[in-house]
Amino acid sequence: MEMNLQEFLFLALDLTGTFVFAVSGVLLAARRDFDITGGLVLGTMTGIGGGMIRDVLLDRVPNAIGQPIYLAPPVIATLLIYIIGSHISRARIWIVAFDAMGLGLFSVTGTTIALSAGTNYPAALLMGALTACGGGLMRDAVASEDPAIFRGTDLYLIPALFGSGLTIIAEVTGLLGAIASLIIAAAAFGFRMLAWKLQWRVPQPMRQWSYRDTGRRVKKKLPSVFRKPD
């Protein structure tokens, strides 16, 4: 089946998102001293995980199964990092940056796929955010990291919703295309990186409170459920 220019550009954006997300997974694996097979597993999970969850919920064949080309970016990312990337694997900024690139791109492509499947706008918004955050959530959980989406030290889900929301607005106004998609992805990427750099955060939840004694001071901070106590 022949592919028109618009479809080709969309595929390129989605594959790029898969690649940069996979790089973030492989970098985290290298940082945690996983071997190359562990890096491939973590990179593949990060690159295609969110999209597979989205496609299952939308009752469509996952792209990674229907189009095997989606399996190439994680393999390339793994070889690239483990062969020539040893000098950058320890720098956290690279993990955050590649993760933010994937988040920006997938917030656009995930929303677009959901809209093309006939979902309503609120569902498309959630599917876009799920695509953008799902792979990173799986990566962090498997690597025993506090998932970025749950950390209160910086914003993660909100930039994904921002990109997904802009995509819906562009679709409604008839402006959604390759150029608009790139601009939206760049805006979501910039939002995420700025939030990380400036440590923007949402309000923290109340801890250790009850209806009987809401005025009692919290004397001890609860440890993270994803980290062992010192």
Protein backbone atom coordinates (compact mmCIF):
# COMPACT_ATOMS: atom_id res chain seq x y z
CA MET A 1 0.00 0.00 0.00
CA GLU A 2 1.43 3.32 -1.07
CA MET A 3 1.96 6.03 1.51
CA ASN A 4 1.30 9.70 0.86
CA LEU A 5 3.59 12.45 2.09
CA GLN A 6 1.49 13.24 5.15
CA GLU A 7 1.48 9.60 6.25
CA PHE A 8 5.21 9.32 5.64
CA LEU A 9 5.96 12.39 7.75
CA PHE A 10 3.72 11.12 10.54
CA LEU A 11 5.48 7.74 10.48
CA ALA A 12 8.83 9.54 10.63
CA LEU A 13 7.70 11.51 13.70
CA ASP A 14 6.43 8.37 15.43
CA LEU A 15 9.62 6.42 14.68
CA THR A 16 11.72 9.34 15.89
CA GLY A 17 9.73 9.39 19.11
CA THR A 18 10.28 5.64 19.47
CA PHE A 19 14.02 6.10 18.95
CA VAL A 20 14.56 8.95 21.40
CA PHE A 21 12.42 7.26 24.04
CA ALA A 22 14.41 4.06 23.52
CA VAL A 23 17.65 6.02 23.94
CA SER A 24 16.44 7.26 27.33
CA GLY A 25 15.75 3.68 28.36
CA VAL A 26 19.12 2.40 27.17
CA LEU A 27 20.92 5.29 28.88
CA LEU A 28 19.19 4.45 32.15
CA ALA A 29 20.14 0.80 31.70
CA ALA A 30 23.78 1.77 31.12
CA ARG A 31 23.68 4.08 34.13
CA ARG A 32 22.43 1.16 36.23
CA ASP A 33 25.17 -1.12 34.81
CA PHE A 34 22.77 -3.40 32.94
CA ASP A 35 24.33 -5.46 30.16
CA ILE A 36 23.46 -4.92 26.52
CA THR A 37 20.51 -7.34 26.60
CA GLY A 38 19.09 -5.51 29.60
CA GLY A 39 19.57 -2.26 27.71
CA LEU A 40 17.70 -3.68 24.70
CA VAL A 41 14.79 -4.83 26.87
CA LEU A 42 14.54 -1.52 28.71
CA GLY A 43 14.93 0.49 25.50
CA THR A 44 12.28 -1.54 23.69
CA MET A 45 9.88 -1.28 26.62
CA THR A 46 10.36 2.49 26.78
CA GLY A 47 10.10 3.03 23.04
CA ILE A 48 6.98 1.01 22.27
CA GLY A 49 5.34 0.44 25.68
CA GLY A 50 3.08 3.49 25.77
CA GLY A 51 1.96 3.02 22.18
CA MET A 52 1.14 -0.65 22.72
CA ILE A 53 -1.04 0.15 25.74
CA ARG A 54 -2.81 2.86 23.72
CA ASP A 55 -3.44 0.56 20.77
CA VAL A 56 -4.82 -2.23 22.97
CA LEU A 57 -7.23 0.22 24.59
CA LEU A 58 -8.26 1.50 21.15
CA ASP A 59 -8.80 -2.10 19.97
CA ARG A 60 -6.31 -1.82 17.12
CA VAL A 61 -3.26 -3.86 16.19
CA PRO A 62 -0.25 -2.31 17.97
CA ASN A 63 2.12 -0.56 15.57
CA ALA A 64 5.06 -2.60 16.87
CA ILE A 65 3.26 -5.80 15.79
CA GLY A 66 1.62 -4.58 12.60
CA GLN A 67 4.73 -2.71 11.41
CA PRO A 68 7.97 -4.44 12.45
CA ILE A 69 9.94 -1.32 11.52
CA TYR A 70 8.98 -0.02 14.99
CA LEU A 71 11.34 -2.63 16.47
CA ALA A 72 14.34 -1.15 14.64
CA PRO A 73 14.74 2.09 16.67
CA PRO A 74 15.28 0.30 20.03
CA VAL A 75 17.90 -1.98 18.44
CA ILE A 76 19.71 0.97 16.87
CA ALA A 77 19.53 2.93 20.13
CA THR A 78 20.98 0.00 22.09
CA LEU A 79 23.89 -0.51 19.72
CA LEU A 80 24.57 3.22 19.54
CA ILE A 81 24.71 3.74 23.31
CA TYR A 82 26.64 0.60 24.18
CA ILE A 83 29.21 1.06 21.40
CA ILE A 84 29.89 4.79 21.32
CA GLY A 85 27.93 6.27 24.19
CA SER A 86 29.85 5.16 27.28
CA HIS A 87 31.10 8.68 28.01
CA ILE A 88 27.56 10.10 28.22
CA SER A 89 25.75 7.21 29.89
CA ARG A 90 26.39 8.57 33.40
CA ALA A 91 25.00 12.05 32.75
CA ARG A 92 21.39 12.32 33.95
CA ILE A 93 20.70 15.32 31.70
CA TRP A 94 20.83 13.09 28.62
CA ILE A 95 18.22 10.71 30.02
CA VAL A 96 15.93 13.63 30.86
CA ALA A 97 16.47 15.32 27.48
CA PHE A 98 15.80 12.24 25.34
CA ASP A 99 12.83 11.36 27.54
CA ALA A 100 11.44 14.87 27.03
CA MET A 101 11.89 14.57 23.25
CA GLY A 102 9.92 11.33 23.24
CA LEU A 103 7.26 12.83 25.47
CA GLY A 104 6.80 15.78 23.12
CA LEU A 105 6.63 13.68 19.96
CA PHE A 106 4.36 10.99 21.42
CA SER A 107 1.95 13.52 22.89
CA VAL A 108 1.31 14.56 19.28
CA THR A 109 1.37 11.19 17.51
CA GLY A 110 -0.56 9.39 20.25
CA THR A 111 -3.33 11.99 20.18
CA THR A 112 -3.44 11.94 16.39
CA ILE A 113 -3.78 8.15 16.30
CA ALA A 114 -6.57 8.30 18.88
CA LEU A 115 -8.42 10.95 16.87
CA SER A 116 -8.05 8.92 13.68
CA ALA A 117 -9.57 5.94 15.53
CA GLY A 118 -12.71 7.99 16.12
CA THR A 119 -12.35 8.70 19.84
CA ASN A 120 -13.88 11.79 21.41
CA TYR A 121 -11.67 14.68 22.44
CA PRO A 122 -11.33 13.85 26.18
CA ALA A 123 -10.41 10.25 25.33
CA ALA A 124 -7.92 11.44 22.71
CA LEU A 125 -6.37 13.75 25.31
CA LEU A 126 -5.89 10.84 27.70
CA MET A 127 -4.59 8.52 24.95
CA GLY A 128 -2.02 11.11 23.94
CA ALA A 129 -0.83 11.52 27.52
CA LEU A 130 -0.77 7.74 27.99
CA THR A 131 1.36 7.31 24.87
CA ALA A 132 3.72 10.04 26.06
CA CYS A 133 4.06 8.78 29.65
CA GLY A 134 3.43 5.03 29.47
CA GLY A 135 6.85 3.95 28.23
CA GLY A 136 8.68 6.16 30.71
CA LEU A 137 6.54 4.82 33.55
CA MET A 138 7.37 1.23 32.60
CA ARG A 139 11.07 2.08 32.22
CA ASP A 140 11.34 3.68 35.64
CA ALA A 141 9.36 0.95 37.40
CA VAL A 142 11.42 -1.88 35.89
CA ALA A 143 14.72 -0.08 36.63
CA SER A 144 13.64 0.52 40.27
CA GLU A 145 13.55 4.28 39.79
CA ASP A 146 10.89 6.53 41.28
CA PRO A 147 8.64 6.99 38.20
CA ALA A 148 9.00 10.54 36.89
CA ILE A 149 5.23 10.82 36.52
CA PHE A 150 4.82 10.37 40.29
CA ARG A 151 7.65 12.58 41.48
CA GLY A 152 6.63 15.94 42.90
CA THR A 153 9.98 17.56 42.15
CA ASP A 154 9.14 18.40 38.53
CA LEU A 155 6.27 18.24 36.04
CA TYR A 156 5.86 15.24 33.74
CA LEU A 157 2.21 14.47 33.05
CA ILE A 158 1.25 18.13 32.61
CA PRO A 159 3.62 18.75 29.64
CA ALA A 160 2.23 15.59 28.04
CA LEU A 161 -1.34 16.85 28.49
CA PHE A 162 -0.20 20.23 27.17
CA GLY A 163 1.10 18.68 23.93
CA SER A 164 -1.96 16.48 23.58
CA GLY A 165 -4.30 19.41 24.17
CA LEU A 166 -2.54 21.56 21.57
CA THR A 167 -2.82 18.71 19.08
CA ILE A 168 -6.57 18.53 19.59
CA ILE A 169 -6.87 22.31 19.18
CA ALA A 170 -4.86 22.12 15.95
CA GLU A 171 -7.11 19.33 14.68
CA VAL A 172 -10.29 21.25 15.51
CA THR A 173 -9.02 24.39 13.79
CA GLY A 174 -7.79 22.47 10.75
CA LEU A 175 -4.16 23.42 11.33
CA LEU A 176 -2.81 19.99 12.21
CA GLY A 177 -0.08 18.92 9.80
CA ALA A 178 3.59 18.08 9.75
CA ILE A 179 4.79 21.60 10.60
CA ALA A 180 2.19 22.11 13.32
CA SER A 181 3.03 18.70 14.78
CA LEU A 182 6.71 19.61 15.01
CA ILE A 183 5.91 22.94 16.65
CA ILE A 184 3.62 21.31 19.20
CA ALA A 185 6.18 18.58 19.96
CA ALA A 186 8.87 21.24 20.41
CA ALA A 187 6.59 23.22 22.73
CA ALA A 188 5.87 20.17 24.89
CA PHE A 189 9.59 19.31 24.95
CA GLY A 190 10.47 22.86 25.98
CA PHE A 191 7.79 22.85 28.66
CA ARG A 192 9.09 19.59 30.13
CA MET A 193 12.75 20.69 30.11
CA LEU A 194 11.95 24.08 31.59
CA ALA A 195 9.88 22.46 34.32
CA TRP A 196 12.78 20.09 35.08
CA LYS A 197 15.37 22.86 35.07
CA LEU A 198 13.36 25.26 37.25
CA GLN A 199 11.89 22.50 39.42
CA TRP A 200 8.30 23.52 38.80
CA ARG A 201 5.97 21.32 40.79
CA VAL A 202 2.36 20.70 41.64
CA PRO A 203 1.19 20.98 45.27
CA GLN A 204 2.35 18.13 47.47
CA PRO A 205 -0.29 15.89 49.07
CA MET A 206 -0.96 15.90 52.80
CA ARG A 207 0.69 12.97 54.53
CA GLN A 208 -0.06 11.10 57.77
CA TRP A 209 -3.35 12.87 58.49
CA SER A 210 -6.71 11.65 59.67
CA TYR A 211 -10.17 13.09 60.06
CA ARG A 212 -9.77 12.87 63.83
CA ASP A 213 -6.58 14.90 63.99
CA THR A 214 -5.88 17.02 60.92
CA GLY A 215 -3.89 19.50 62.99
CA ARG A 216 -1.19 17.09 64.09
CA ARG A 217 2.24 17.91 62.66
CA VAL A 218 3.95 15.36 60.48
CA LYS A 219 6.96 14.23 62.48
CA LYS A 220 8.47 11.73 60.08
CA LYS A 221 8.56 11.77 56.32
CA LEU A 222 7.31 8.59 54.70
CA PRO A 223 9.98 6.78 52.65
CA SER A 224 9.50 6.25 48.94
CA VAL A 225 7.76 2.98 48.18
CA PHE A 226 10.16 2.46 45.28
CA ARG A 227 13.38 2.85 47.29
CA LYS A 228 14.80 0.81 50.14
CA PRO A 229 15.39 2.70 53.38
CA ASP A 230 19.00 3.65 54.13
